[in-house]
Amino acid sequence: MKITSASAVDTVPGQLRSDAPRKPPTSLAARAFAVQQAFTKLPGKVHALRAIATAAGLDDATTHRILQTGVTDGIFEQVGRGRYRLGTGTARAGVQAMAHSPGAASTHGILERLHHATGGLALLYVLSPFGGAKRLCTDYVIGDMDPAEVGMTAEDVVSVSRSLRTGASGRVILAYLPQPIRELVLAEEVPPTAGPGVIRDNDDLAASLDEVRRLGFGVGRQECMAGWDSVAAPVLWHDSVMGAVLLLKRSAEMPSDLRPLIYHTLKAAESISDLTTSPLATPA
């Protein structure tokens, strides 16, 4: 997601790696990884042996041997007869990997630059899978503004701000998540206190996710709360979404030409994404 100028925002690539069919894995290690990856392709949490084997591109016998080995090591859990889900070993590996993401000392300066360049509120949201796919604000720069001026109650922050159905940052994160997780989020109810511009129809929301992936950013018009518009761009760790950078401005102050705001938001998200892939990036 490289940005060169404000005029280039219409052609910013926002795609993940191609989902084109791959050749069946041949080595033992490749087969084991294919089984693990199969769980990210299937809807729901618990899957039958045959479904896992099909998604992994393997025969049932090979898949069964890998699953049973993984159960012993805590990578998978067997739930009933012939049904499996990812285990705590996978979760521990994911937590340890994410622990090496850049800390606030690195990202706060990027948010400050975004705030000074645009005059808007700059926020960093991260994806939280605990209790379902949600977003959490981990850092922000709002200048001299009183947080109460944003007009959100504590209840709104807990409900609207964490939902991936609402706001540009929520939709940007959702657009880069695997299809099974997107379907779970689309099945959720829209928070009742969401703004008047929230996209309620699932077909319209799905279309907006396609647009986000095509453009590499999202624009929100009073989605989370009345009177505030936004621009958001994804923070990526290679081909996985980690969160989103959000630029928030009052609707009355949003310019008719959004390209400069989009450019600076994309630049901030790219800078944080670069930090996630740097071997020197460590949490604060």
C-alpha atoms as a PDB file:
ATOM      1  CA  MET A   1       0.000   0.000   0.000  1.00  0.00           C
ATOM      2  CA  LYS A   2       2.462   2.627  -1.219  1.00  0.00           C
ATOM      3  CA  ILE A   3       1.288   6.243  -1.476  1.00  0.00           C
ATOM      4  CA  THR A   4       3.092   8.764  -3.652  1.00  0.00           C
ATOM      5  CA  SER A   5       0.744  11.728  -3.937  1.00  0.00           C
ATOM      6  CA  ALA A   6      -2.742  12.921  -3.080  1.00  0.00           C
ATOM      7  CA  SER A   7      -3.802  12.480  -6.701  1.00  0.00           C
ATOM      8  CA  ALA A   8      -2.976   8.777  -6.555  1.00  0.00           C
ATOM      9  CA  VAL A   9      -5.662   7.816  -4.056  1.00  0.00           C
ATOM     10  CA  ASP A  10      -8.075   6.603  -6.726  1.00  0.00           C
ATOM     11  CA  THR A  11      -5.706   3.823  -7.696  1.00  0.00           C
ATOM     12  CA  VAL A  12      -4.344   2.724  -4.331  1.00  0.00           C
ATOM     13  CA  PRO A  13      -4.318  -1.083  -4.235  1.00  0.00           C
ATOM     14  CA  GLY A  14      -6.213  -2.496  -1.271  1.00  0.00           C
ATOM     15  CA  GLN A  15      -6.079  -6.170  -2.078  1.00  0.00           C
ATOM     16  CA  LEU A  16      -4.762  -9.063  -0.064  1.00  0.00           C
ATOM     17  CA  ARG A  17      -3.040 -12.025  -1.626  1.00  0.00           C
ATOM     18  CA  SER A  18      -4.946 -13.783  -4.368  1.00  0.00           C
ATOM     19  CA  ASP A  19      -7.396 -16.460  -3.241  1.00  0.00           C
ATOM     20  CA  ALA A  20      -6.761 -18.433  -6.439  1.00  0.00           C
ATOM     21  CA  PRO A  21      -6.666 -22.225  -6.002  1.00  0.00           C
ATOM     22  CA  ARG A  22      -3.286 -23.598  -5.025  1.00  0.00           C
ATOM     23  CA  LYS A  23      -1.677 -26.926  -5.724  1.00  0.00           C
ATOM     24  CA  PRO A  24      -2.288 -29.564  -3.017  1.00  0.00           C
ATOM     25  CA  PRO A  25       0.446 -29.430  -0.358  1.00  0.00           C
ATOM     26  CA  THR A  26       3.031 -32.179  -0.716  1.00  0.00           C
ATOM     27  CA  SER A  27       5.365 -31.995   2.294  1.00  0.00           C
ATOM     28  CA  LEU A  28       4.235 -33.030   5.762  1.00  0.00           C
ATOM     29  CA  ALA A  29       4.771 -29.525   7.109  1.00  0.00           C
ATOM     30  CA  ALA A  30       2.794 -27.962   4.259  1.00  0.00           C
ATOM     31  CA  ARG A  31      -0.077 -30.382   4.877  1.00  0.00           C
ATOM     32  CA  ALA A  32      -0.155 -29.516   8.579  1.00  0.00           C
ATOM     33  CA  PHE A  33      -0.274 -25.803   7.808  1.00  0.00           C
ATOM     34  CA  ALA A  34      -2.990 -26.412   5.212  1.00  0.00           C
ATOM     35  CA  VAL A  35      -5.167 -28.087   7.835  1.00  0.00           C
ATOM     36  CA  GLN A  36      -4.652 -25.188  10.222  1.00  0.00           C
ATOM     37  CA  GLN A  37      -5.465 -22.654   7.488  1.00  0.00           C
ATOM     38  CA  ALA A  38      -8.618 -24.571   6.594  1.00  0.00           C
ATOM     39  CA  PHE A  39     -10.216 -23.371   9.824  1.00  0.00           C
ATOM     40  CA  THR A  40      -9.864 -19.759   8.629  1.00  0.00           C
ATOM     41  CA  LYS A  41     -11.745 -20.555   5.423  1.00  0.00           C
ATOM     42  CA  LEU A  42     -14.741 -22.336   6.923  1.00  0.00           C
ATOM     43  CA  PRO A  43     -17.756 -20.580   8.461  1.00  0.00           C
ATOM     44  CA  GLY A  44     -18.441 -21.115  12.144  1.00  0.00           C
ATOM     45  CA  LYS A  45     -16.168 -22.429  14.881  1.00  0.00           C
ATOM     46  CA  VAL A  46     -16.578 -26.227  14.851  1.00  0.00           C
ATOM     47  CA  HIS A  47     -16.054 -28.266  11.684  1.00  0.00           C
ATOM     48  CA  ALA A  48     -16.426 -31.843  10.515  1.00  0.00           C
ATOM     49  CA  LEU A  49     -13.416 -33.849   9.365  1.00  0.00           C
ATOM     50  CA  ARG A  50     -14.654 -34.010   5.761  1.00  0.00           C
ATOM     51  CA  ALA A  51     -15.129 -30.225   5.553  1.00  0.00           C
ATOM     52  CA  ILE A  52     -11.651 -29.589   6.951  1.00  0.00           C
ATOM     53  CA  ALA A  53     -10.103 -32.059   4.530  1.00  0.00           C
ATOM     54  CA  THR A  54     -11.860 -30.478   1.559  1.00  0.00           C
ATOM     55  CA  ALA A  55     -10.789 -26.965   2.562  1.00  0.00           C
ATOM     56  CA  ALA A  56      -7.207 -28.152   3.055  1.00  0.00           C
ATOM     57  CA  GLY A  57      -7.113 -30.022  -0.253  1.00  0.00           C
ATOM     58  CA  LEU A  58      -6.230 -33.314   1.460  1.00  0.00           C
ATOM     59  CA  ASP A  59      -7.763 -36.757   1.855  1.00  0.00           C
ATOM     60  CA  ASP A  60      -9.668 -37.663   5.011  1.00  0.00           C
ATOM     61  CA  ALA A  61      -7.044 -40.055   6.369  1.00  0.00           C
ATOM     62  CA  THR A  62      -4.188 -37.567   6.139  1.00  0.00           C
ATOM     63  CA  THR A  63      -6.316 -34.812   7.631  1.00  0.00           C
ATOM     64  CA  HIS A  64      -7.377 -37.075  10.516  1.00  0.00           C
ATOM     65  CA  ARG A  65      -3.755 -37.925  11.382  1.00  0.00           C
ATOM     66  CA  ILE A  66      -2.784 -34.248  11.398  1.00  0.00           C
ATOM     67  CA  LEU A  67      -5.784 -33.275  13.503  1.00  0.00           C
ATOM     68  CA  GLN A  68      -5.118 -35.973  16.078  1.00  0.00           C
ATOM     69  CA  THR A  69      -1.475 -34.935  16.370  1.00  0.00           C
ATOM     70  CA  GLY A  70      -2.611 -31.342  16.771  1.00  0.00           C
ATOM     71  CA  VAL A  71      -5.099 -32.299  19.472  1.00  0.00           C
ATOM     72  CA  THR A  72      -2.262 -33.802  21.493  1.00  0.00           C
ATOM     73  CA  ASP A  73      -0.300 -30.555  21.202  1.00  0.00           C
ATOM     74  CA  GLY A  74      -3.287 -28.291  21.866  1.00  0.00           C
ATOM     75  CA  ILE A  75      -3.310 -26.847  18.327  1.00  0.00           C
ATOM     76  CA  PHE A  76      -6.790 -28.316  17.732  1.00  0.00           C
ATOM     77  CA  GLU A  77      -9.592 -29.460  20.018  1.00  0.00           C
ATOM     78  CA  GLN A  78     -11.880 -32.372  19.276  1.00  0.00           C
ATOM     79  CA  VAL A  79     -15.490 -31.492  19.998  1.00  0.00           C
ATOM     80  CA  GLY A  80     -17.630 -34.604  19.861  1.00  0.00           C
ATOM     81  CA  ARG A  81     -17.245 -37.344  17.287  1.00  0.00           C
ATOM     82  CA  GLY A  82     -15.291 -36.263  14.221  1.00  0.00           C
ATOM     83  CA  ARG A  83     -15.649 -32.525  14.827  1.00  0.00           C
ATOM     84  CA  TYR A  84     -12.846 -30.079  15.573  1.00  0.00           C
ATOM     85  CA  ARG A  85     -12.047 -26.450  16.342  1.00  0.00           C
ATOM     86  CA  LEU A  86      -8.859 -24.457  16.771  1.00  0.00           C
ATOM     87  CA  GLY A  87      -7.260 -24.949  20.176  1.00  0.00           C
ATOM     88  CA  THR A  88      -5.543 -22.780  22.730  1.00  0.00           C
ATOM     89  CA  GLY A  89      -2.133 -23.533  21.234  1.00  0.00           C
ATOM     90  CA  THR A  90      -3.104 -21.577  18.144  1.00  0.00           C
ATOM     91  CA  ALA A  91      -4.375 -18.719  20.291  1.00  0.00           C
ATOM     92  CA  ARG A  92      -1.128 -18.593  22.296  1.00  0.00           C
ATOM     93  CA  ALA A  93       0.917 -18.396  19.103  1.00  0.00           C
ATOM     94  CA  GLY A  94      -1.281 -15.578  17.803  1.00  0.00           C
ATOM     95  CA  VAL A  95      -1.046 -13.616  21.037  1.00  0.00           C
ATOM     96  CA  GLN A  96       2.735 -13.969  21.111  1.00  0.00           C
ATOM     97  CA  ALA A  97       2.976 -12.818  17.497  1.00  0.00           C
ATOM     98  CA  MET A  98       0.786  -9.771  18.090  1.00  0.00           C
ATOM     99  CA  ALA A  99       2.788  -8.875  21.200  1.00  0.00           C
ATOM    100  CA  HIS A 100       5.614  -7.861  18.876  1.00  0.00           C
ATOM    101  CA  SER A 101       3.488  -5.258  17.101  1.00  0.00           C
ATOM    102  CA  PRO A 102       4.625  -1.623  17.467  1.00  0.00           C
ATOM    103  CA  GLY A 103       3.788   0.097  20.735  1.00  0.00           C
ATOM    104  CA  ALA A 104       2.309   3.487  21.475  1.00  0.00           C
ATOM    105  CA  ALA A 105       5.725   5.171  21.559  1.00  0.00           C
ATOM    106  CA  SER A 106       6.079   4.422  17.848  1.00  0.00           C
ATOM    107  CA  THR A 107       2.514   4.945  16.666  1.00  0.00           C
ATOM    108  CA  HIS A 108       1.609   8.085  18.640  1.00  0.00           C
ATOM    109  CA  GLY A 109       3.974  10.270  16.645  1.00  0.00           C
ATOM    110  CA  ILE A 110       2.360   9.053  13.430  1.00  0.00           C
ATOM    111  CA  LEU A 111      -1.078   9.991  14.761  1.00  0.00           C
ATOM    112  CA  GLU A 112       0.234  13.398  15.793  1.00  0.00           C
ATOM    113  CA  ARG A 113       1.465  14.052  12.263  1.00  0.00           C
ATOM    114  CA  LEU A 114      -1.912  13.032  10.857  1.00  0.00           C
ATOM    115  CA  HIS A 115      -3.673  15.393  13.259  1.00  0.00           C
ATOM    116  CA  HIS A 116      -1.414  18.336  12.425  1.00  0.00           C
ATOM    117  CA  ALA A 117      -1.666  17.724   8.676  1.00  0.00           C
ATOM    118  CA  THR A 118      -5.468  17.565   8.621  1.00  0.00           C
ATOM    119  CA  GLY A 119      -6.782  19.296  11.734  1.00  0.00           C
ATOM    120  CA  GLY A 120      -8.889  16.218  12.462  1.00  0.00           C
ATOM    121  CA  LEU A 121      -8.982  13.718  15.284  1.00  0.00           C
ATOM    122  CA  ALA A 122      -6.533  10.874  14.659  1.00  0.00           C
ATOM    123  CA  LEU A 123      -7.284   7.488  16.191  1.00  0.00           C
ATOM    124  CA  LEU A 124      -5.774   4.019  16.036  1.00  0.00           C
ATOM    125  CA  TYR A 125      -8.114   1.030  16.276  1.00  0.00           C
ATOM    126  CA  VAL A 126      -6.927  -2.553  16.628  1.00  0.00           C
ATOM    127  CA  LEU A 127      -8.783  -5.768  15.912  1.00  0.00           C
ATOM    128  CA  SER A 128      -9.824  -7.718  18.990  1.00  0.00           C
ATOM    129  CA  PRO A 129     -11.109 -11.259  18.359  1.00  0.00           C
ATOM    130  CA  PHE A 130     -12.045 -11.893  22.006  1.00  0.00           C
ATOM    131  CA  GLY A 131     -15.797 -12.293  22.317  1.00  0.00           C
ATOM    132  CA  GLY A 132     -16.259 -11.954  18.554  1.00  0.00           C
ATOM    133  CA  ALA A 133     -14.560  -9.685  16.045  1.00  0.00           C
ATOM    134  CA  LYS A 134     -14.457  -6.174  17.543  1.00  0.00           C
ATOM    135  CA  ARG A 135     -12.307  -3.067  17.359  1.00  0.00           C
ATOM    136  CA  LEU A 136     -10.683  -1.232  20.235  1.00  0.00           C
ATOM    137  CA  CYS A 137      -9.201   2.264  20.246  1.00  0.00           C
ATOM    138  CA  THR A 138      -5.683   1.996  21.636  1.00  0.00           C
ATOM    139  CA  ASP A 139      -4.374   5.507  20.966  1.00  0.00           C
ATOM    140  CA  TYR A 140      -5.579   8.883  19.757  1.00  0.00           C
ATOM    141  CA  VAL A 141      -4.566  12.498  19.194  1.00  0.00           C
ATOM    142  CA  ILE A 142      -7.330  15.090  19.468  1.00  0.00           C
ATOM    143  CA  GLY A 143      -5.370  18.266  20.174  1.00  0.00           C
ATOM    144  CA  ASP A 144      -7.119  20.767  22.431  1.00  0.00           C
ATOM    145  CA  MET A 145     -10.570  19.246  22.004  1.00  0.00           C
ATOM    146  CA  ASP A 146     -12.461  18.051  25.052  1.00  0.00           C
ATOM    147  CA  PRO A 147     -13.405  14.371  24.506  1.00  0.00           C
ATOM    148  CA  ALA A 148     -16.938  15.255  25.597  1.00  0.00           C
ATOM    149  CA  GLU A 149     -17.250  17.432  22.486  1.00  0.00           C
ATOM    150  CA  VAL A 150     -17.272  14.321  20.323  1.00  0.00           C
ATOM    151  CA  GLY A 151     -20.731  13.633  21.709  1.00  0.00           C
ATOM    152  CA  MET A 152     -20.454   9.946  22.562  1.00  0.00           C
ATOM    153  CA  THR A 153     -21.546   8.512  25.884  1.00  0.00           C
ATOM    154  CA  ALA A 154     -19.713   5.689  27.638  1.00  0.00           C
ATOM    155  CA  GLU A 155     -22.399   3.306  26.368  1.00  0.00           C
ATOM    156  CA  ASP A 156     -21.824   4.480  22.802  1.00  0.00           C
ATOM    157  CA  VAL A 157     -18.097   3.877  23.138  1.00  0.00           C
ATOM    158  CA  VAL A 158     -18.728   0.310  24.288  1.00  0.00           C
ATOM    159  CA  SER A 159     -21.345  -0.494  21.651  1.00  0.00           C
ATOM    160  CA  VAL A 160     -21.022   1.667  18.531  1.00  0.00           C
ATOM    161  CA  SER A 161     -17.262   2.215  18.586  1.00  0.00           C
ATOM    162  CA  ARG A 162     -16.395  -1.455  18.966  1.00  0.00           C
ATOM    163  CA  SER A 163     -18.759  -2.770  16.281  1.00  0.00           C
ATOM    164  CA  LEU A 164     -17.210  -3.574  12.905  1.00  0.00           C
ATOM    165  CA  ARG A 165     -20.573  -2.805  11.324  1.00  0.00           C
ATOM    166  CA  THR A 166     -20.304   0.900  12.052  1.00  0.00           C
ATOM    167  CA  GLY A 167     -17.976   3.623  10.896  1.00  0.00           C
ATOM    168  CA  ALA A 168     -15.236   3.784   8.308  1.00  0.00           C
ATOM    169  CA  SER A 169     -12.668   2.144  10.597  1.00  0.00           C
ATOM    170  CA  GLY A 170     -15.019  -0.749  11.380  1.00  0.00           C
ATOM    171  CA  ARG A 171     -15.785  -1.371   7.726  1.00  0.00           C
ATOM    172  CA  VAL A 172     -12.128  -1.051   6.736  1.00  0.00           C
ATOM    173  CA  ILE A 173     -11.127  -3.747   9.224  1.00  0.00           C
ATOM    174  CA  LEU A 174     -14.092  -5.917   8.266  1.00  0.00           C
ATOM    175  CA  ALA A 175     -13.254  -5.686   4.563  1.00  0.00           C
ATOM    176  CA  TYR A 176      -9.904  -7.404   5.107  1.00  0.00           C
ATOM    177  CA  LEU A 177     -11.123 -10.192   7.393  1.00  0.00           C
ATOM    178  CA  PRO A 178     -11.775 -13.736   6.105  1.00  0.00           C
ATOM    179  CA  GLN A 179     -15.239 -14.317   4.663  1.00  0.00           C
ATOM    180  CA  PRO A 180     -16.422 -16.568   7.556  1.00  0.00           C
ATOM    181  CA  ILE A 181     -15.721 -13.781  10.066  1.00  0.00           C
ATOM    182  CA  ARG A 182     -17.373 -11.181   7.834  1.00  0.00           C
ATOM    183  CA  GLU A 183     -20.497 -13.329   7.754  1.00  0.00           C
ATOM    184  CA  LEU A 184     -20.574 -13.506  11.560  1.00  0.00           C
ATOM    185  CA  VAL A 185     -20.345  -9.721  11.810  1.00  0.00           C
ATOM    186  CA  LEU A 186     -23.040  -9.225   9.161  1.00  0.00           C
ATOM    187  CA  ALA A 187     -25.315 -11.403  11.289  1.00  0.00           C
ATOM    188  CA  GLU A 188     -24.977  -8.991  14.216  1.00  0.00           C
ATOM    189  CA  GLU A 189     -27.519  -6.271  14.946  1.00  0.00           C
ATOM    190  CA  VAL A 190     -26.653  -2.665  14.163  1.00  0.00           C
ATOM    191  CA  PRO A 191     -26.041  -0.828  17.486  1.00  0.00           C
ATOM    192  CA  PRO A 192     -29.227   1.136  18.229  1.00  0.00           C
ATOM    193  CA  THR A 193     -27.310   4.343  18.976  1.00  0.00           C
ATOM    194  CA  ALA A 194     -25.384   4.325  15.681  1.00  0.00           C
ATOM    195  CA  GLY A 195     -25.387   7.498  13.612  1.00  0.00           C
ATOM    196  CA  PRO A 196     -27.918   8.313  10.884  1.00  0.00           C
ATOM    197  CA  GLY A 197     -25.477   7.377   8.115  1.00  0.00           C
ATOM    198  CA  VAL A 198     -24.823   3.804   9.285  1.00  0.00           C
ATOM    199  CA  ILE A 199     -25.243   1.176   6.558  1.00  0.00           C
ATOM    200  CA  ARG A 200     -28.038  -1.081   7.795  1.00  0.00           C
ATOM    201  CA  ASP A 201     -28.711  -3.227   4.726  1.00  0.00           C
ATOM    202  CA  ASN A 202     -26.320  -6.189   4.544  1.00  0.00           C
ATOM    203  CA  ASP A 203     -26.144  -6.151   0.743  1.00  0.00           C
ATOM    204  CA  ASP A 204     -25.169  -2.476   0.785  1.00  0.00           C
ATOM    205  CA  LEU A 205     -22.653  -3.144   3.547  1.00  0.00           C
ATOM    206  CA  ALA A 206     -21.103  -6.030   1.607  1.00  0.00           C
ATOM    207  CA  ALA A 207     -20.834  -3.785  -1.467  1.00  0.00           C
ATOM    208  CA  SER A 208     -19.070  -1.141   0.621  1.00  0.00           C
ATOM    209  CA  LEU A 209     -16.528  -3.747   1.769  1.00  0.00           C
ATOM    210  CA  ASP A 210     -15.747  -4.601  -1.844  1.00  0.00           C
ATOM    211  CA  GLU A 211     -15.186  -0.902  -2.504  1.00  0.00           C
ATOM    212  CA  VAL A 212     -12.860  -0.608   0.488  1.00  0.00           C
ATOM    213  CA  ARG A 213     -10.751  -3.491  -0.793  1.00  0.00           C
ATOM    214  CA  ARG A 214     -10.684  -1.981  -4.275  1.00  0.00           C
ATOM    215  CA  LEU A 215      -9.658   1.500  -3.143  1.00  0.00           C
ATOM    216  CA  GLY A 216      -7.665   0.679  -0.016  1.00  0.00           C
ATOM    217  CA  PHE A 217      -9.597   3.097   2.233  1.00  0.00           C
ATOM    218  CA  GLY A 218     -13.097   3.883   3.473  1.00  0.00           C
ATOM    219  CA  VAL A 219     -15.123   7.066   3.945  1.00  0.00           C
ATOM    220  CA  GLY A 220     -17.863   7.338   6.577  1.00  0.00           C
ATOM    221  CA  ARG A 221     -20.660   9.883   6.645  1.00  0.00           C
ATOM    222  CA  GLN A 222     -22.163  10.213  10.131  1.00  0.00           C
ATOM    223  CA  GLU A 223     -22.017   6.436  10.638  1.00  0.00           C
ATOM    224  CA  CYS A 224     -21.058   6.301  14.300  1.00  0.00           C
ATOM    225  CA  MET A 225     -22.568   9.600  15.389  1.00  0.00           C
ATOM    226  CA  ALA A 226     -24.422  12.533  13.950  1.00  0.00           C
ATOM    227  CA  GLY A 227     -22.339  15.476  12.798  1.00  0.00           C
ATOM    228  CA  TRP A 228     -19.047  13.612  12.295  1.00  0.00           C
ATOM    229  CA  ASP A 229     -17.517  12.189   9.120  1.00  0.00           C
ATOM    230  CA  SER A 230     -14.428  10.041   8.768  1.00  0.00           C
ATOM    231  CA  VAL A 231     -11.735   8.531   6.592  1.00  0.00           C
ATOM    232  CA  ALA A 232     -10.045   5.255   7.500  1.00  0.00           C
ATOM    233  CA  ALA A 233      -7.277   3.042   6.107  1.00  0.00           C
ATOM    234  CA  PRO A 234      -6.183  -0.463   7.140  1.00  0.00           C
ATOM    235  CA  VAL A 235      -3.123  -1.312   9.181  1.00  0.00           C
ATOM    236  CA  LEU A 236      -1.772  -4.543   7.706  1.00  0.00           C
ATOM    237  CA  TRP A 237       0.762  -7.090   8.833  1.00  0.00           C
ATOM    238  CA  HIS A 238       1.705  -8.549   5.464  1.00  0.00           C
ATOM    239  CA  ASP A 239      -1.670  -9.947   4.314  1.00  0.00           C
ATOM    240  CA  SER A 240      -3.465  -9.814   7.679  1.00  0.00           C
ATOM    241  CA  VAL A 241      -5.390  -6.821   8.984  1.00  0.00           C
ATOM    242  CA  MET A 242      -4.349  -5.667  12.448  1.00  0.00           C
ATOM    243  CA  GLY A 243      -6.482  -2.531  12.736  1.00  0.00           C
ATOM    244  CA  ALA A 244      -7.183   0.811  11.118  1.00  0.00           C
ATOM    245  CA  VAL A 245      -6.184   4.450  11.287  1.00  0.00           C
ATOM    246  CA  LEU A 246      -9.191   6.753  11.550  1.00  0.00           C
ATOM    247  CA  LEU A 247      -9.375  10.449  10.736  1.00  0.00           C
ATOM    248  CA  LEU A 248     -12.466  12.063  12.247  1.00  0.00           C
ATOM    249  CA  LYS A 249     -13.782  15.535  11.435  1.00  0.00           C
ATOM    250  CA  ARG A 250     -17.018  17.417  11.941  1.00  0.00           C
ATOM    251  CA  SER A 251     -19.269  17.025   8.905  1.00  0.00           C
ATOM    252  CA  ALA A 252     -19.463  20.796   8.476  1.00  0.00           C
ATOM    253  CA  GLU A 253     -15.651  20.960   8.278  1.00  0.00           C
ATOM    254  CA  MET A 254     -15.158  18.169   5.758  1.00  0.00           C
ATOM    255  CA  PRO A 255     -13.885  19.606   2.448  1.00  0.00           C
ATOM    256  CA  SER A 256     -15.570  18.736  -0.826  1.00  0.00           C
ATOM    257  CA  ASP A 257     -12.268  17.364  -2.105  1.00  0.00           C
ATOM    258  CA  LEU A 258     -11.329  14.517   0.223  1.00  0.00           C
ATOM    259  CA  ARG A 259      -8.142  13.529  -1.576  1.00  0.00           C
ATOM    260  CA  PRO A 260      -5.737  15.346   0.782  1.00  0.00           C
ATOM    261  CA  LEU A 261      -7.410  13.767   3.833  1.00  0.00           C
ATOM    262  CA  ILE A 262      -7.376  10.347   2.199  1.00  0.00           C
ATOM    263  CA  TYR A 263      -3.722  10.768   1.274  1.00  0.00           C
ATOM    264  CA  HIS A 264      -2.621  11.634   4.814  1.00  0.00           C
ATOM    265  CA  THR A 265      -4.736   8.863   6.358  1.00  0.00           C
ATOM    266  CA  LEU A 266      -3.308   6.294   3.959  1.00  0.00           C
ATOM    267  CA  LYS A 267       0.197   7.564   4.662  1.00  0.00           C
ATOM    268  CA  ALA A 268      -0.314   7.170   8.427  1.00  0.00           C
ATOM    269  CA  ALA A 269      -1.725   3.662   8.030  1.00  0.00           C
ATOM    270  CA  GLU A 270       1.149   2.699   5.732  1.00  0.00           C
ATOM    271  CA  SER A 271       3.695   3.986   8.257  1.00  0.00           C
ATOM    272  CA  ILE A 272       2.183   1.892  11.042  1.00  0.00           C
ATOM    273  CA  SER A 273       1.921  -1.120   8.712  1.00  0.00           C
ATOM    274  CA  ASP A 274       5.631  -0.741   7.937  1.00  0.00           C
ATOM    275  CA  LEU A 275       6.364  -0.825  11.661  1.00  0.00           C
ATOM    276  CA  THR A 276       4.528  -4.134  12.042  1.00  0.00           C
ATOM    277  CA  THR A 277       6.763  -5.773   9.433  1.00  0.00           C
ATOM    278  CA  SER A 278      10.001  -4.295  10.736  1.00  0.00           C
ATOM    279  CA  PRO A 279      12.194  -6.781  12.626  1.00  0.00           C
ATOM    280  CA  LEU A 280      13.135  -3.948  14.974  1.00  0.00           C
ATOM    281  CA  ALA A 281       9.529  -3.168  15.949  1.00  0.00           C
ATOM    282  CA  THR A 282       8.941  -3.910  19.601  1.00  0.00           C
ATOM    283  CA  PRO A 283       6.077  -3.001  21.920  1.00  0.00           C
ATOM    284  CA  ALA A 284       6.519  -0.015  24.222  1.00  0.00           C
END
